[in-house]
């Protein structure tokens, strides 16, 4: 693959899960990838795995100075910024009544503010290159919610709205902005959730059960999400902007009310 030859790409949350899969895909396509995450060990591991097409920056997507420095580092190292993939995110459980304020703030800051800050500094660099692409990882829970995930669902609905706003604001800069909305994907975060909710079973049986809840009968793979992110960031998708694209194994096509046999 050579679809990202000569491109400078930033992936926030790029050291684990869907972010790591995106970093791998961009690098495999010839892109020069800056992996941004707040855990040095996982950043170093990701860079070592991907090799010469990857570099790392240890920073917090919630912090203005960190995101400014991450973008500047990528621009200096790779000659500019062409693509920003916003993959940093966390999941926390709770209703608005039992969610502590600090947990609410963490979820909204990482999932939503992180996109705002990364984009704030990446867009001026993209303008210098004559355009670019931003792709944000959202969720099917931007459309339909589980119970007890008030902060997470709020953050994901807000991501889709922010994407639409940025798409309009920066269309004249030749910058496309889109969201990818996965269902259950085989990531460390999903395994954490499965372990949390396994009850008397195991995390593996819980994951299997969640997979059967999708019409395709399984959970998704990070590499499948990465292919969609790469497409939206590529030259093939230059007429797509302001979109939120589901990658959900059909789960949102399925009504909970079932016609009896």
Protein backbone atom coordinates (compact mmCIF):
# COMPACT_ATOMS: atom_id res chain seq x y z
CA UNK A 1 0.00 0.00 0.00
CA UNK A 2 1.17 3.51 -0.76
CA UNK A 3 -1.97 5.58 -0.20
CA UNK A 4 -0.32 7.75 2.48
CA UNK A 5 3.14 8.21 0.99
CA UNK A 6 4.46 11.63 1.88
CA UNK A 7 1.68 12.28 4.41
CA UNK A 8 2.22 13.45 7.97
CA UNK A 9 -0.30 11.87 10.32
CA UNK A 10 -1.09 12.38 14.00
CA UNK A 11 -2.97 9.67 15.90
CA UNK A 12 -4.12 10.57 19.40
CA UNK A 13 -4.70 7.54 21.58
CA UNK A 14 -2.47 5.79 19.06
CA UNK A 15 -0.70 3.38 21.38
CA UNK A 16 -3.59 0.99 22.11
CA UNK A 17 -6.78 -0.43 20.64
CA UNK A 18 -8.33 1.25 17.63
CA UNK A 19 -5.75 4.04 17.75
CA UNK A 20 -2.88 1.57 17.47
CA UNK A 21 -4.64 -0.18 14.59
CA UNK A 22 -4.99 3.18 12.83
CA UNK A 23 -1.31 3.99 13.40
CA UNK A 24 -0.35 0.62 11.93
CA UNK A 25 -2.57 1.16 8.89
CA UNK A 26 -1.30 4.66 8.15
CA UNK A 27 2.31 3.53 8.49
CA UNK A 28 1.68 0.52 6.26
CA UNK A 29 0.41 2.98 3.66
CA UNK A 30 3.67 4.90 3.76
CA UNK A 31 2.58 7.66 6.13
CA UNK A 32 4.81 9.21 8.76
CA UNK A 33 2.86 8.71 11.97
CA UNK A 34 3.12 10.61 15.25
CA UNK A 35 1.57 8.50 18.01
CA UNK A 36 0.28 10.65 20.88
CA UNK A 37 -0.74 9.09 24.20
CA UNK A 38 -0.18 9.70 27.89
CA UNK A 39 1.48 6.38 28.76
CA UNK A 40 5.16 6.30 27.82
CA UNK A 41 5.50 2.53 27.98
CA UNK A 42 2.66 1.92 25.51
CA UNK A 43 3.88 4.73 23.21
CA UNK A 44 7.39 3.27 23.16
CA UNK A 45 6.00 -0.20 22.49
CA UNK A 46 3.84 1.01 19.60
CA UNK A 47 6.70 2.94 18.00
CA UNK A 48 9.03 -0.04 18.34
CA UNK A 49 6.46 -2.34 16.76
CA UNK A 50 5.63 -0.09 13.80
CA UNK A 51 9.20 0.92 13.10
CA UNK A 52 10.75 3.73 11.11
CA UNK A 53 7.46 5.24 9.94
CA UNK A 54 6.37 5.98 13.53
CA UNK A 55 7.43 8.39 16.23
CA UNK A 56 5.96 9.00 19.67
CA UNK A 57 4.89 11.93 21.80
CA UNK A 58 3.88 11.45 25.43
CA UNK A 59 1.15 13.93 26.25
CA UNK A 60 -2.34 14.41 27.64
CA UNK A 61 -5.10 15.22 25.14
CA UNK A 62 -6.83 17.26 27.86
CA UNK A 63 -3.97 19.75 28.09
CA UNK A 64 -3.65 22.70 25.74
CA UNK A 65 0.14 22.90 25.99
CA UNK A 66 0.58 19.18 25.38
CA UNK A 67 -1.53 19.21 22.23
CA UNK A 68 0.19 22.34 20.93
CA UNK A 69 3.57 20.67 21.47
CA UNK A 70 2.46 17.36 19.94
CA UNK A 71 1.27 19.04 16.75
CA UNK A 72 4.37 21.21 16.53
CA UNK A 73 6.60 18.18 17.02
CA UNK A 74 4.82 16.30 14.23
CA UNK A 75 4.98 19.32 11.92
CA UNK A 76 8.68 19.86 12.57
CA UNK A 77 9.60 16.20 12.25
CA UNK A 78 7.48 15.37 9.20
CA UNK A 79 7.22 18.70 7.40
CA UNK A 80 3.64 19.55 8.29
CA UNK A 81 0.36 17.86 9.19
CA UNK A 82 -1.98 16.23 6.67
CA UNK A 83 -4.16 13.91 8.76
CA UNK A 84 -5.40 13.91 12.34
CA UNK A 85 -7.03 10.75 13.69
CA UNK A 86 -8.58 11.36 17.11
CA UNK A 87 -8.77 7.97 18.80
CA UNK A 88 -8.22 8.78 22.49
CA UNK A 89 -11.17 7.79 24.64
CA UNK A 90 -12.34 6.20 27.87
CA UNK A 91 -15.54 4.47 29.02
CA UNK A 92 -17.06 4.93 32.44
CA UNK A 93 -20.37 3.73 33.84
CA UNK A 94 -23.03 5.57 35.80
CA UNK A 95 -26.24 7.57 35.63
CA UNK A 96 -26.19 11.34 36.09
CA UNK A 97 -27.13 10.72 39.73
CA UNK A 98 -24.30 8.37 40.66
CA UNK A 99 -21.55 9.63 38.33
CA UNK A 100 -19.05 11.71 40.34
CA UNK A 101 -18.34 15.13 38.89
CA UNK A 102 -14.68 14.32 38.41
CA UNK A 103 -15.58 11.19 36.40
CA UNK A 104 -17.93 13.24 34.20
CA UNK A 105 -15.15 15.75 33.63
CA UNK A 106 -12.60 13.05 32.77
CA UNK A 107 -14.89 11.42 30.19
CA UNK A 108 -15.87 14.68 28.51
CA UNK A 109 -12.33 16.05 28.64
CA UNK A 110 -10.65 13.00 27.12
CA UNK A 111 -13.36 11.99 24.64
CA UNK A 112 -14.47 15.45 23.48
CA UNK A 113 -12.08 18.17 24.61
CA UNK A 114 -9.19 16.08 23.32
CA UNK A 115 -10.61 16.34 19.80
CA UNK A 116 -11.14 20.08 20.20
CA UNK A 117 -7.57 20.70 21.34
CA UNK A 118 -5.87 18.43 18.80
CA UNK A 119 -7.91 19.97 15.99
CA UNK A 120 -7.29 23.50 17.27
CA UNK A 121 -3.57 23.13 16.62
CA UNK A 122 -3.64 20.71 13.67
CA UNK A 123 -5.95 22.78 11.45
CA UNK A 124 -3.55 25.74 11.04
CA UNK A 125 -0.84 23.27 9.99
CA UNK A 126 -3.21 21.64 7.49
CA UNK A 127 -4.00 25.05 6.00
CA UNK A 128 -0.28 25.46 5.24
CA UNK A 129 -0.43 22.19 3.25
CA UNK A 130 -3.53 23.27 1.29
CA UNK A 131 -5.93 20.98 3.15
CA UNK A 132 -6.18 17.81 5.17
CA UNK A 133 -8.45 15.34 6.90
CA UNK A 134 -9.66 14.86 10.46
CA UNK A 135 -11.32 11.62 11.54
CA UNK A 136 -12.70 11.19 15.06
CA UNK A 137 -13.66 7.93 16.73
CA UNK A 138 -17.20 8.24 18.05
CA UNK A 139 -19.56 5.34 18.87
CA UNK A 140 -22.92 3.79 18.07
CA UNK A 141 -23.87 5.24 21.45
CA UNK A 142 -24.01 8.61 19.75
CA UNK A 143 -27.32 7.30 18.30
CA UNK A 144 -28.66 4.84 20.87
CA UNK A 145 -27.60 4.32 24.45
CA UNK A 146 -27.17 1.54 26.91
CA UNK A 147 -28.41 2.25 30.41
CA UNK A 148 -25.93 3.64 32.90
CA UNK A 149 -23.45 5.31 30.55
CA UNK A 150 -24.59 8.94 30.80
CA UNK A 151 -21.18 10.61 30.50
CA UNK A 152 -19.91 8.31 27.75
CA UNK A 153 -23.04 8.63 25.62
CA UNK A 154 -23.09 12.40 26.09
CA UNK A 155 -19.48 12.63 24.94
CA UNK A 156 -20.08 10.54 21.83
CA UNK A 157 -23.20 12.45 20.77
CA UNK A 158 -21.22 15.65 21.21
CA UNK A 159 -18.39 14.30 19.03
CA UNK A 160 -20.78 13.86 16.11
CA UNK A 161 -22.10 17.39 16.57
CA UNK A 162 -18.58 18.82 16.81
CA UNK A 163 -17.59 16.99 13.63
CA UNK A 164 -20.47 18.58 11.74
CA UNK A 165 -19.52 22.03 13.03
CA UNK A 166 -15.85 21.64 12.11
CA UNK A 167 -16.74 20.24 8.69
CA UNK A 168 -18.68 23.42 7.91
CA UNK A 169 -16.15 25.78 9.44
CA UNK A 170 -13.18 24.34 7.56
CA UNK A 171 -14.62 23.19 4.23
CA UNK A 172 -13.19 26.36 2.70
CA UNK A 173 -9.75 25.27 3.91
CA UNK A 174 -10.11 21.99 1.98
CA UNK A 175 -10.17 20.12 5.30
CA UNK A 176 -12.62 17.25 5.65
CA UNK A 177 -13.91 16.23 9.09
CA UNK A 178 -15.73 12.96 9.71
CA UNK A 179 -16.64 10.60 12.54
CA UNK A 180 -16.46 6.82 12.69
CA UNK A 181 -19.01 5.17 14.97
CA UNK A 182 -18.09 1.61 16.01
CA UNK A 183 -20.12 -0.88 18.00
CA UNK A 184 -18.27 -3.45 20.13
CA UNK A 185 -14.64 -3.73 19.01
CA UNK A 186 -11.99 -6.10 20.38
CA UNK A 187 -9.90 -3.56 22.31
CA UNK A 188 -8.38 -3.38 25.80
CA UNK A 189 -11.25 -1.07 26.78
CA UNK A 190 -13.87 -3.63 25.76
CA UNK A 191 -12.00 -6.37 27.64
CA UNK A 192 -11.94 -4.10 30.70
CA UNK A 193 -15.70 -3.65 30.42
CA UNK A 194 -16.29 -7.37 29.94
CA UNK A 195 -14.27 -8.14 33.05
CA UNK A 196 -16.24 -5.52 34.96
CA UNK A 197 -19.60 -7.01 33.96
CA UNK A 198 -18.74 -10.73 33.83
CA UNK A 199 -20.69 -11.59 36.98
CA UNK A 200 -20.31 -15.28 37.75
CA UNK A 201 -18.98 -15.98 34.25
CA UNK A 202 -15.77 -14.97 32.53
CA UNK A 203 -14.77 -11.98 30.47
CA UNK A 204 -14.53 -14.26 27.43
CA UNK A 205 -18.10 -15.54 27.78
CA UNK A 206 -19.28 -11.96 28.25
CA UNK A 207 -17.49 -10.88 25.07
CA UNK A 208 -19.05 -13.80 23.20
CA UNK A 209 -22.49 -12.80 24.41
CA UNK A 210 -21.94 -9.20 23.36
CA UNK A 211 -20.77 -10.44 19.96
CA UNK A 212 -23.97 -12.44 19.50
CA UNK A 213 -25.90 -9.21 20.07
CA UNK A 214 -24.64 -7.98 16.69
CA UNK A 215 -26.42 -9.38 13.62
CA UNK A 216 -23.07 -10.47 12.19
CA UNK A 217 -22.62 -12.56 15.33
CA UNK A 218 -19.28 -11.23 16.58
CA UNK A 219 -17.49 -8.19 17.88
CA UNK A 220 -15.45 -6.14 15.43
CA UNK A 221 -11.70 -6.04 14.89
CA UNK A 222 -9.60 -2.90 15.38
CA UNK A 223 -8.11 -3.35 11.91
CA UNK A 224 -11.61 -3.15 10.41
CA UNK A 225 -12.16 0.22 12.06
CA UNK A 226 -8.71 1.34 10.93
CA UNK A 227 -9.57 0.61 7.29
CA UNK A 228 -12.61 2.88 7.52
CA UNK A 229 -10.60 5.61 9.22
CA UNK A 230 -7.92 5.32 6.53
CA UNK A 231 -10.50 5.56 3.75
CA UNK A 232 -12.03 8.72 5.21
CA UNK A 233 -8.56 10.22 5.59
CA UNK A 234 -7.52 9.31 2.05
CA UNK A 235 -7.70 11.08 -1.29
CA UNK A 236 -10.54 8.72 -2.25
CA UNK A 237 -12.87 10.41 0.26
CA UNK A 238 -12.30 14.08 -0.54
CA UNK A 239 -16.04 14.69 -1.18
CA UNK A 240 -17.06 13.23 2.19
CA UNK A 241 -17.23 15.66 5.10
CA UNK A 242 -19.49 16.16 8.10
CA UNK A 243 -20.41 12.47 8.01
CA UNK A 244 -20.79 10.03 10.87
CA UNK A 245 -20.28 6.53 9.53
CA UNK A 246 -21.43 3.45 11.45
CA UNK A 247 -19.24 0.34 11.60
CA UNK A 248 -21.43 -1.76 13.85
CA UNK A 249 -21.99 -5.28 12.56
CA UNK A 250 -25.60 -4.28 11.92
CA UNK A 251 -26.42 -3.63 15.57
CA UNK A 252 -28.28 -0.37 14.94
CA UNK A 253 -30.37 -2.02 12.23
CA UNK A 254 -31.88 -4.36 14.80
CA UNK A 255 -34.98 -3.53 16.83
CA UNK A 256 -35.20 -4.89 20.35
CA UNK A 257 -38.85 -5.84 19.78
CA UNK A 258 -38.80 -9.23 18.07
CA UNK A 259 -41.68 -10.79 16.11
CA UNK A 260 -42.47 -14.21 17.67
CA UNK A 261 -41.78 -17.35 15.68
